[in-house]
């Protein structure tokens, strides 16, 4: 694997649900501390500031560091773990899946229990099981106290037990947490590329916390960074799967630029700058939309007097599940386009993004 694949593996194999992101911000700090000034807000989000040829404009390149996961809410007398979601899940993907419970003593493996088909009643076979009826089995039994023996406590975070894998098509990667660790990697790689050139701005690369539970870190990051413009990196949703033949968001299609998402209409002038740059540099891209759900830009674009924002990300299959797929060339196209646009964000260009 090359350096980028290794970075993606490091970020996705690490554990960091909402409210438990310290391992991820530490990885970002490790990679960025030699080229930028590292700082944090009081929620734990990381901000890496790298001054170019001028103090302004201030360009925020944002990723969120948390992954969807769960939290231990109850431990039954029999040693089974009841859990609650951190982020948006579809219960269809739970049963029979391996989980990691992150305790003070270390990682404890478990599995979401499921009935064998021999025991299912006819009506049970046709309905989605509610999360309240599910449990995680860590191998406990009567008189085996999993808190004393294993260190499992109420409030511990839980993540899918999935490892980064290069697939047989070696341009496709499979992992948990591509939402949004691929964006963390893109922040790191973009800033490393920018550190080698003269850029006409000051760049702040951020890893915001608790996006999956209400975009909380985005609000504090934006206030602390006080950007003049923001590039919000998150996953695109690849739809080159059965049932979506008319949609253009596909592997090999390059990054998705959103025309609208659930909480923000991205700045149209900034979007045109991305589109014009992509066409000039022959970088593939597509225009997409997300009618439900929203990302960090929803908070960032409303900060102070308002911030011109865009949402960009490589198309990714099966987000918000235990395993997602990413096509490496789409990652590289996204990196190239962000880098080329940031080089063009001088004071005059950023001023032109605002209606006057």
Protein backbone atom coordinates (compact mmCIF):
# COMPACT_ATOMS: atom_id res chain seq x y z
CA UNK A 1 0.00 0.00 0.00
CA UNK A 2 1.15 3.54 -0.71
CA UNK A 3 1.12 6.40 1.82
CA UNK A 4 -2.48 7.41 1.09
CA UNK A 5 -3.83 3.88 1.52
CA UNK A 6 -1.86 3.55 4.75
CA UNK A 7 -3.31 6.85 5.99
CA UNK A 8 -6.84 5.68 5.19
CA UNK A 9 -6.17 2.42 7.00
CA UNK A 10 -4.80 4.21 10.05
CA UNK A 11 -7.81 6.51 10.26
CA UNK A 12 -10.54 3.95 9.57
CA UNK A 13 -9.17 1.19 11.80
CA UNK A 14 -9.05 3.63 14.73
CA UNK A 15 -12.11 3.91 16.97
CA UNK A 16 -13.90 7.22 17.45
CA UNK A 17 -17.66 7.54 17.86
CA UNK A 18 -19.31 10.87 18.63
CA UNK A 19 -18.00 12.16 21.93
CA UNK A 20 -15.06 9.71 21.88
CA UNK A 21 -12.87 11.13 19.11
CA UNK A 22 -9.52 11.65 20.86
CA UNK A 23 -7.71 8.88 18.95
CA UNK A 24 -8.67 10.43 15.62
CA UNK A 25 -7.70 14.00 16.45
CA UNK A 26 -4.39 12.62 17.73
CA UNK A 27 -3.75 10.97 14.35
CA UNK A 28 -4.52 14.22 12.54
CA UNK A 29 -2.22 16.16 14.88
CA UNK A 30 0.58 13.65 14.31
CA UNK A 31 0.43 14.16 10.55
CA UNK A 32 -0.05 17.96 10.58
CA UNK A 33 2.05 19.24 13.48
CA UNK A 34 5.20 19.66 11.37
CA UNK A 35 3.50 21.98 8.86
CA UNK A 36 0.87 23.82 10.91
CA UNK A 37 -0.04 25.22 14.30
CA UNK A 38 -2.27 22.77 16.18
CA UNK A 39 -5.09 24.01 18.37
CA UNK A 40 -8.36 22.66 19.77
CA UNK A 41 -11.74 24.03 20.69
CA UNK A 42 -13.33 23.18 24.04
CA UNK A 43 -15.36 20.30 22.59
CA UNK A 44 -12.21 18.58 21.36
CA UNK A 45 -12.24 19.48 17.67
CA UNK A 46 -8.82 19.99 16.11
CA UNK A 47 -7.77 23.04 14.06
CA UNK A 48 -4.47 23.05 12.15
CA UNK A 49 -3.55 26.51 10.87
CA UNK A 50 -1.01 27.01 8.06
CA UNK A 51 -0.21 30.53 6.93
CA UNK A 52 0.56 31.11 3.29
CA UNK A 53 1.49 34.36 1.56
CA UNK A 54 -1.16 36.34 3.45
CA UNK A 55 -3.12 36.28 6.70
CA UNK A 56 -6.36 36.51 4.72
CA UNK A 57 -8.50 35.16 3.31
CA UNK A 58 -8.90 32.43 5.90
CA UNK A 59 -9.83 29.19 4.15
CA UNK A 60 -11.39 26.47 6.30
CA UNK A 61 -11.10 22.91 5.00
CA UNK A 62 -13.40 20.93 7.25
CA UNK A 63 -13.84 17.24 7.97
CA UNK A 64 -15.64 15.62 10.87
CA UNK A 65 -13.75 13.02 12.86
CA UNK A 66 -16.54 11.00 14.48
CA UNK A 67 -17.98 7.80 13.05
CA UNK A 68 -21.42 6.34 13.59
CA UNK A 69 -21.54 3.78 16.35
CA UNK A 70 -23.30 2.93 19.58
CA UNK A 71 -23.13 3.35 23.35
CA UNK A 72 -23.69 0.85 26.14
CA UNK A 73 -26.93 1.88 27.84
CA UNK A 74 -27.60 -1.15 30.03
CA UNK A 75 -26.01 -4.44 31.10
CA UNK A 76 -28.48 -7.21 31.87
CA UNK A 77 -28.12 -9.62 34.77
CA UNK A 78 -27.14 -12.28 32.27
CA UNK A 79 -24.26 -10.15 30.98
CA UNK A 80 -25.84 -9.01 27.71
CA UNK A 81 -25.36 -5.43 26.51
CA UNK A 82 -28.27 -3.22 25.51
CA UNK A 83 -27.19 -0.32 23.33
CA UNK A 84 -28.30 2.97 21.81
CA UNK A 85 -27.24 4.52 18.48
CA UNK A 86 -24.76 7.35 17.95
CA UNK A 87 -25.71 8.57 14.50
CA UNK A 88 -28.19 7.35 11.91
CA UNK A 89 -28.53 3.57 11.57
CA UNK A 90 -30.91 1.26 9.73
CA UNK A 91 -31.58 -1.74 12.03
CA UNK A 92 -31.55 -4.10 9.04
CA UNK A 93 -27.73 -4.06 9.09
CA UNK A 94 -27.26 -5.00 12.78
CA UNK A 95 -28.05 -8.65 13.42
CA UNK A 96 -25.13 -11.06 13.52
CA UNK A 97 -22.51 -8.31 13.18
CA UNK A 98 -19.30 -8.24 15.21
CA UNK A 99 -18.80 -5.23 17.49
CA UNK A 100 -15.96 -3.68 19.49
CA UNK A 101 -16.81 -2.30 22.93
CA UNK A 102 -14.18 0.30 23.84
CA UNK A 103 -13.56 0.04 27.60
CA UNK A 104 -11.01 1.55 29.95
CA UNK A 105 -9.29 -1.84 30.00
CA UNK A 106 -9.20 -2.18 26.21
CA UNK A 107 -11.34 -3.51 23.38
CA UNK A 108 -13.92 -6.22 24.09
CA UNK A 109 -15.33 -8.15 21.13
CA UNK A 110 -18.99 -9.04 20.88
CA UNK A 111 -21.71 -9.96 18.41
CA UNK A 112 -25.25 -8.67 18.00
CA UNK A 113 -27.36 -11.65 18.96
CA UNK A 114 -29.85 -13.08 16.47
CA UNK A 115 -32.36 -15.92 16.56
CA UNK A 116 -31.67 -18.89 14.32
CA UNK A 117 -34.31 -19.13 11.55
CA UNK A 118 -35.62 -22.35 13.11
CA UNK A 119 -37.07 -20.32 16.01
CA UNK A 120 -38.59 -17.45 14.04
CA UNK A 121 -42.35 -17.12 13.92
CA UNK A 122 -43.91 -16.28 10.56
CA UNK A 123 -44.61 -12.65 11.50
CA UNK A 124 -41.03 -12.15 12.73
CA UNK A 125 -39.59 -13.06 9.34
CA UNK A 126 -41.21 -10.07 7.61
CA UNK A 127 -40.42 -7.20 9.97
CA UNK A 128 -37.34 -5.20 10.91
CA UNK A 129 -36.34 -5.89 14.49
CA UNK A 130 -36.34 -2.80 16.72
CA UNK A 131 -33.03 -1.74 18.26
CA UNK A 132 -34.58 -1.85 21.74
CA UNK A 133 -35.04 -5.59 21.28
CA UNK A 134 -31.41 -6.22 20.30
CA UNK A 135 -28.41 -6.99 22.46
CA UNK A 136 -24.67 -7.61 22.16
CA UNK A 137 -23.25 -10.88 23.42
CA UNK A 138 -19.64 -10.71 24.69
CA UNK A 139 -19.53 -14.31 25.84
CA UNK A 140 -20.96 -13.69 29.27
CA UNK A 141 -23.08 -16.12 31.27
CA UNK A 142 -24.70 -16.49 34.66
CA UNK A 143 -22.40 -15.38 37.52
CA UNK A 144 -19.86 -13.94 35.02
CA UNK A 145 -19.75 -10.21 35.76
CA UNK A 146 -18.64 -8.54 32.51
CA UNK A 147 -17.96 -5.25 34.31
CA UNK A 148 -15.55 -6.86 36.78
CA UNK A 149 -14.08 -9.39 34.36
CA UNK A 150 -13.93 -7.37 31.13
CA UNK A 151 -14.31 -3.75 32.24
CA UNK A 152 -17.53 -3.12 30.28
CA UNK A 153 -19.43 -0.16 31.74
CA UNK A 154 -22.55 1.81 30.90
CA UNK A 155 -21.48 4.73 28.68
CA UNK A 156 -18.72 2.83 26.84
CA UNK A 157 -18.65 3.42 23.08
CA UNK A 158 -19.19 0.67 20.54
CA UNK A 159 -18.01 0.47 16.92
CA UNK A 160 -18.33 -2.19 14.21
CA UNK A 161 -15.47 -4.68 14.17
CA UNK A 162 -14.35 -4.04 10.60
CA UNK A 163 -10.82 -3.69 9.24
CA UNK A 164 -9.54 -1.70 6.27
CA UNK A 165 -9.20 -4.05 3.30
CA UNK A 166 -7.83 -3.62 -0.22
CA UNK A 167 -10.25 -5.59 -2.38
CA UNK A 168 -9.41 -7.91 -5.26
CA UNK A 169 -9.97 -4.90 -7.50
CA UNK A 170 -7.06 -3.16 -5.81
CA UNK A 171 -8.40 0.30 -6.64
CA UNK A 172 -11.36 -0.32 -4.30
CA UNK A 173 -11.02 -0.12 -0.52
CA UNK A 174 -13.45 -1.48 2.08
CA UNK A 175 -13.62 -0.18 5.65
CA UNK A 176 -15.84 1.13 8.38
CA UNK A 177 -15.89 4.88 9.03
CA UNK A 178 -15.10 6.18 5.54
CA UNK A 179 -17.80 8.59 6.70
CA UNK A 180 -15.89 10.67 7.47
CA UNK A 181 -12.30 9.49 7.86
CA UNK A 182 -11.76 9.78 4.11
CA UNK A 183 -12.32 13.52 4.65
CA UNK A 184 -9.81 13.58 7.51
CA UNK A 185 -7.29 12.01 5.13
CA UNK A 186 -8.15 14.57 2.44
CA UNK A 187 -7.56 17.44 4.90
CA UNK A 188 -4.15 15.98 5.77
CA UNK A 189 -3.14 15.29 2.15
CA UNK A 190 -4.37 18.70 0.92
CA UNK A 191 -2.44 20.58 3.58
CA UNK A 192 0.71 18.57 2.90
CA UNK A 193 0.48 19.48 -0.80
CA UNK A 194 -0.20 23.15 0.01
CA UNK A 195 2.79 23.27 2.37
CA UNK A 196 5.06 22.74 -0.64
CA UNK A 197 3.81 25.73 -2.63
CA UNK A 198 3.13 29.44 -2.14
CA UNK A 199 -0.62 29.82 -1.59
CA UNK A 200 -2.34 33.24 -1.32
CA UNK A 201 -4.23 32.61 1.93
CA UNK A 202 -4.18 31.09 5.39
CA UNK A 203 -5.57 27.56 5.51
CA UNK A 204 -7.21 26.01 8.55
CA UNK A 205 -7.70 22.25 8.38
CA UNK A 206 -10.25 21.05 10.89
CA UNK A 207 -11.50 17.80 12.33
CA UNK A 208 -14.80 18.60 14.01
CA UNK A 209 -16.36 16.38 16.65
CA UNK A 210 -19.92 15.09 17.10
CA UNK A 211 -21.18 15.72 13.57
CA UNK A 212 -23.23 12.53 13.56
CA UNK A 213 -25.28 13.62 16.59
CA UNK A 214 -26.13 17.16 15.56
CA UNK A 215 -23.20 18.96 13.83
CA UNK A 216 -21.99 20.17 17.22
CA UNK A 217 -18.27 20.55 16.54
CA UNK A 218 -18.95 22.43 13.32
CA UNK A 219 -20.46 25.32 15.26
CA UNK A 220 -17.52 25.71 17.63
CA UNK A 221 -14.88 25.12 14.92
CA UNK A 222 -16.39 27.79 12.69
CA UNK A 223 -16.56 30.31 15.52
CA UNK A 224 -12.94 29.67 16.50
CA UNK A 225 -11.58 29.56 12.94
CA UNK A 226 -13.56 32.62 11.77
CA UNK A 227 -13.19 31.64 8.08
CA UNK A 228 -13.83 33.79 5.02
CA UNK A 229 -14.72 30.70 2.98
CA UNK A 230 -15.20 27.02 3.82
CA UNK A 231 -14.77 23.76 1.94
CA UNK A 232 -16.71 21.05 3.73
CA UNK A 233 -15.52 17.54 2.84
CA UNK A 234 -17.85 14.63 3.48
CA UNK A 235 -18.81 11.44 1.69
CA UNK A 236 -20.71 11.50 -1.55
CA UNK A 237 -23.27 8.73 -1.98
CA UNK A 238 -22.40 6.36 -4.82
CA UNK A 239 -25.51 5.14 -6.60
CA UNK A 240 -24.05 2.84 -9.26
CA UNK A 241 -25.83 -0.06 -7.57
CA UNK A 242 -29.01 -1.91 -8.57
CA UNK A 243 -32.07 0.33 -8.39
CA UNK A 244 -30.48 3.71 -9.20
CA UNK A 245 -29.57 3.42 -12.87
CA UNK A 246 -30.54 7.02 -13.71
CA UNK A 247 -28.22 8.69 -11.18
CA UNK A 248 -24.72 9.87 -12.12
CA UNK A 249 -22.96 9.54 -8.75
CA UNK A 250 -20.76 6.54 -9.44
CA UNK A 251 -17.32 5.05 -8.98
CA UNK A 252 -15.00 6.79 -11.42
CA UNK A 253 -17.25 9.84 -11.67
CA UNK A 254 -15.05 11.99 -9.46
CA UNK A 255 -16.20 14.08 -6.51
CA UNK A 256 -19.81 15.04 -5.95
CA UNK A 257 -20.55 18.75 -5.60
CA UNK A 258 -23.85 19.22 -3.82
CA UNK A 259 -26.34 21.72 -5.19
CA UNK A 260 -28.40 21.39 -2.00
CA UNK A 261 -28.41 19.40 1.22
CA UNK A 262 -30.83 19.18 4.12
CA UNK A 263 -29.48 22.22 5.97
CA UNK A 264 -27.65 24.32 3.40
CA UNK A 265 -27.80 25.62 -0.15
CA UNK A 266 -24.06 25.77 -0.95
CA UNK A 267 -22.68 29.04 -2.31
CA UNK A 268 -23.40 29.04 -6.06
CA UNK A 269 -20.41 31.18 -6.99
CA UNK A 270 -18.06 28.90 -5.09
CA UNK A 271 -19.64 25.90 -6.79
CA UNK A 272 -19.05 27.49 -10.20
CA UNK A 273 -15.41 28.08 -9.27
CA UNK A 274 -15.07 24.37 -8.46
CA UNK A 275 -16.82 23.40 -11.69
CA UNK A 276 -14.76 25.76 -13.86
CA UNK A 277 -11.53 24.58 -12.22
CA UNK A 278 -12.48 20.93 -12.68
CA UNK A 279 -13.21 21.48 -16.37
CA UNK A 280 -9.96 23.40 -16.88
CA UNK A 281 -7.91 20.72 -15.12
CA UNK A 282 -9.87 17.84 -16.72
CA UNK A 283 -10.96 16.51 -13.33
CA UNK A 284 -14.19 14.47 -13.42
CA UNK A 285 -17.02 15.60 -11.14
CA UNK A 286 -20.78 15.40 -10.80
CA UNK A 287 -23.52 17.58 -9.37
CA UNK A 288 -25.57 15.86 -6.72
CA UNK A 289 -28.11 16.58 -4.02
CA UNK A 290 -29.11 15.31 -0.59
CA UNK A 291 -32.73 16.04 0.23
CA UNK A 292 -32.50 14.59 3.73
CA UNK A 293 -29.63 14.82 6.16
CA UNK A 294 -27.04 17.55 6.43
CA UNK A 295 -23.36 18.05 7.13
CA UNK A 296 -21.08 20.51 8.89
CA UNK A 297 -21.75 23.21 6.31
CA UNK A 298 -25.24 23.62 7.76
CA UNK A 299 -23.66 25.18 10.83
CA UNK A 300 -20.55 26.71 9.30
CA UNK A 301 -22.34 28.80 6.66
CA UNK A 302 -24.41 30.55 9.36
CA UNK A 303 -21.41 31.56 11.49
CA UNK A 304 -20.98 35.24 12.38
CA UNK A 305 -21.85 37.24 9.22
CA UNK A 306 -22.14 34.09 7.12
CA UNK A 307 -19.53 31.97 5.32
CA UNK A 308 -19.56 30.94 1.64
CA UNK A 309 -19.50 27.12 1.79
CA UNK A 310 -19.43 24.14 -0.50
CA UNK A 311 -19.99 20.42 0.17
CA UNK A 312 -17.70 18.06 -1.75
CA UNK A 313 -16.84 14.40 -1.44
CA UNK A 314 -15.95 11.24 -3.37
CA UNK A 315 -18.85 8.85 -4.07
CA UNK A 316 -18.92 6.10 -1.45
CA UNK A 317 -21.02 2.94 -1.39
CA UNK A 318 -22.96 1.74 1.69
CA UNK A 319 -22.34 4.61 4.10
CA UNK A 320 -23.78 4.32 7.62
CA UNK A 321 -23.20 0.59 7.72
CA UNK A 322 -20.47 -1.73 8.98
CA UNK A 323 -18.51 -1.66 5.71
CA UNK A 324 -18.31 0.99 2.98
CA UNK A 325 -16.49 1.00 -0.35
CA UNK A 326 -14.28 3.75 -1.79
CA UNK A 327 -12.73 3.93 -5.27
CA UNK A 328 -9.19 5.27 -4.98
CA UNK A 329 -9.27 7.32 -8.19
CA UNK A 330 -12.27 9.28 -6.85
CA UNK A 331 -10.26 10.09 -3.72
CA UNK A 332 -7.37 11.30 -5.87
CA UNK A 333 -9.69 13.40 -8.08
CA UNK A 334 -11.23 15.02 -4.99
CA UNK A 335 -7.80 15.81 -3.58
CA UNK A 336 -6.62 17.35 -6.85
CA UNK A 337 -9.72 19.52 -7.24
CA UNK A 338 -9.64 20.87 -3.67
CA UNK A 339 -5.92 21.63 -3.99
CA UNK A 340 -6.38 23.47 -7.29
CA UNK A 341 -9.26 25.57 -5.96
CA UNK A 342 -7.48 26.53 -2.72
CA UNK A 343 -4.56 27.80 -4.81
CA UNK A 344 -7.01 30.20 -6.48
CA UNK A 345 -8.66 31.51 -3.31
CA UNK A 346 -6.95 34.87 -3.02
CA UNK A 347 -8.53 37.95 -1.45
CA UNK A 348 -10.17 39.16 -4.68
CA UNK A 349 -11.63 35.74 -5.54
CA UNK A 350 -13.06 35.16 -2.07
CA UNK A 351 -14.56 38.66 -2.04
CA UNK A 352 -16.30 37.86 -5.33
CA UNK A 353 -18.18 34.97 -3.70
CA UNK A 354 -20.33 37.35 -1.67
CA UNK A 355 -23.24 39.26 -3.19
CA UNK A 356 -22.61 43.01 -2.79
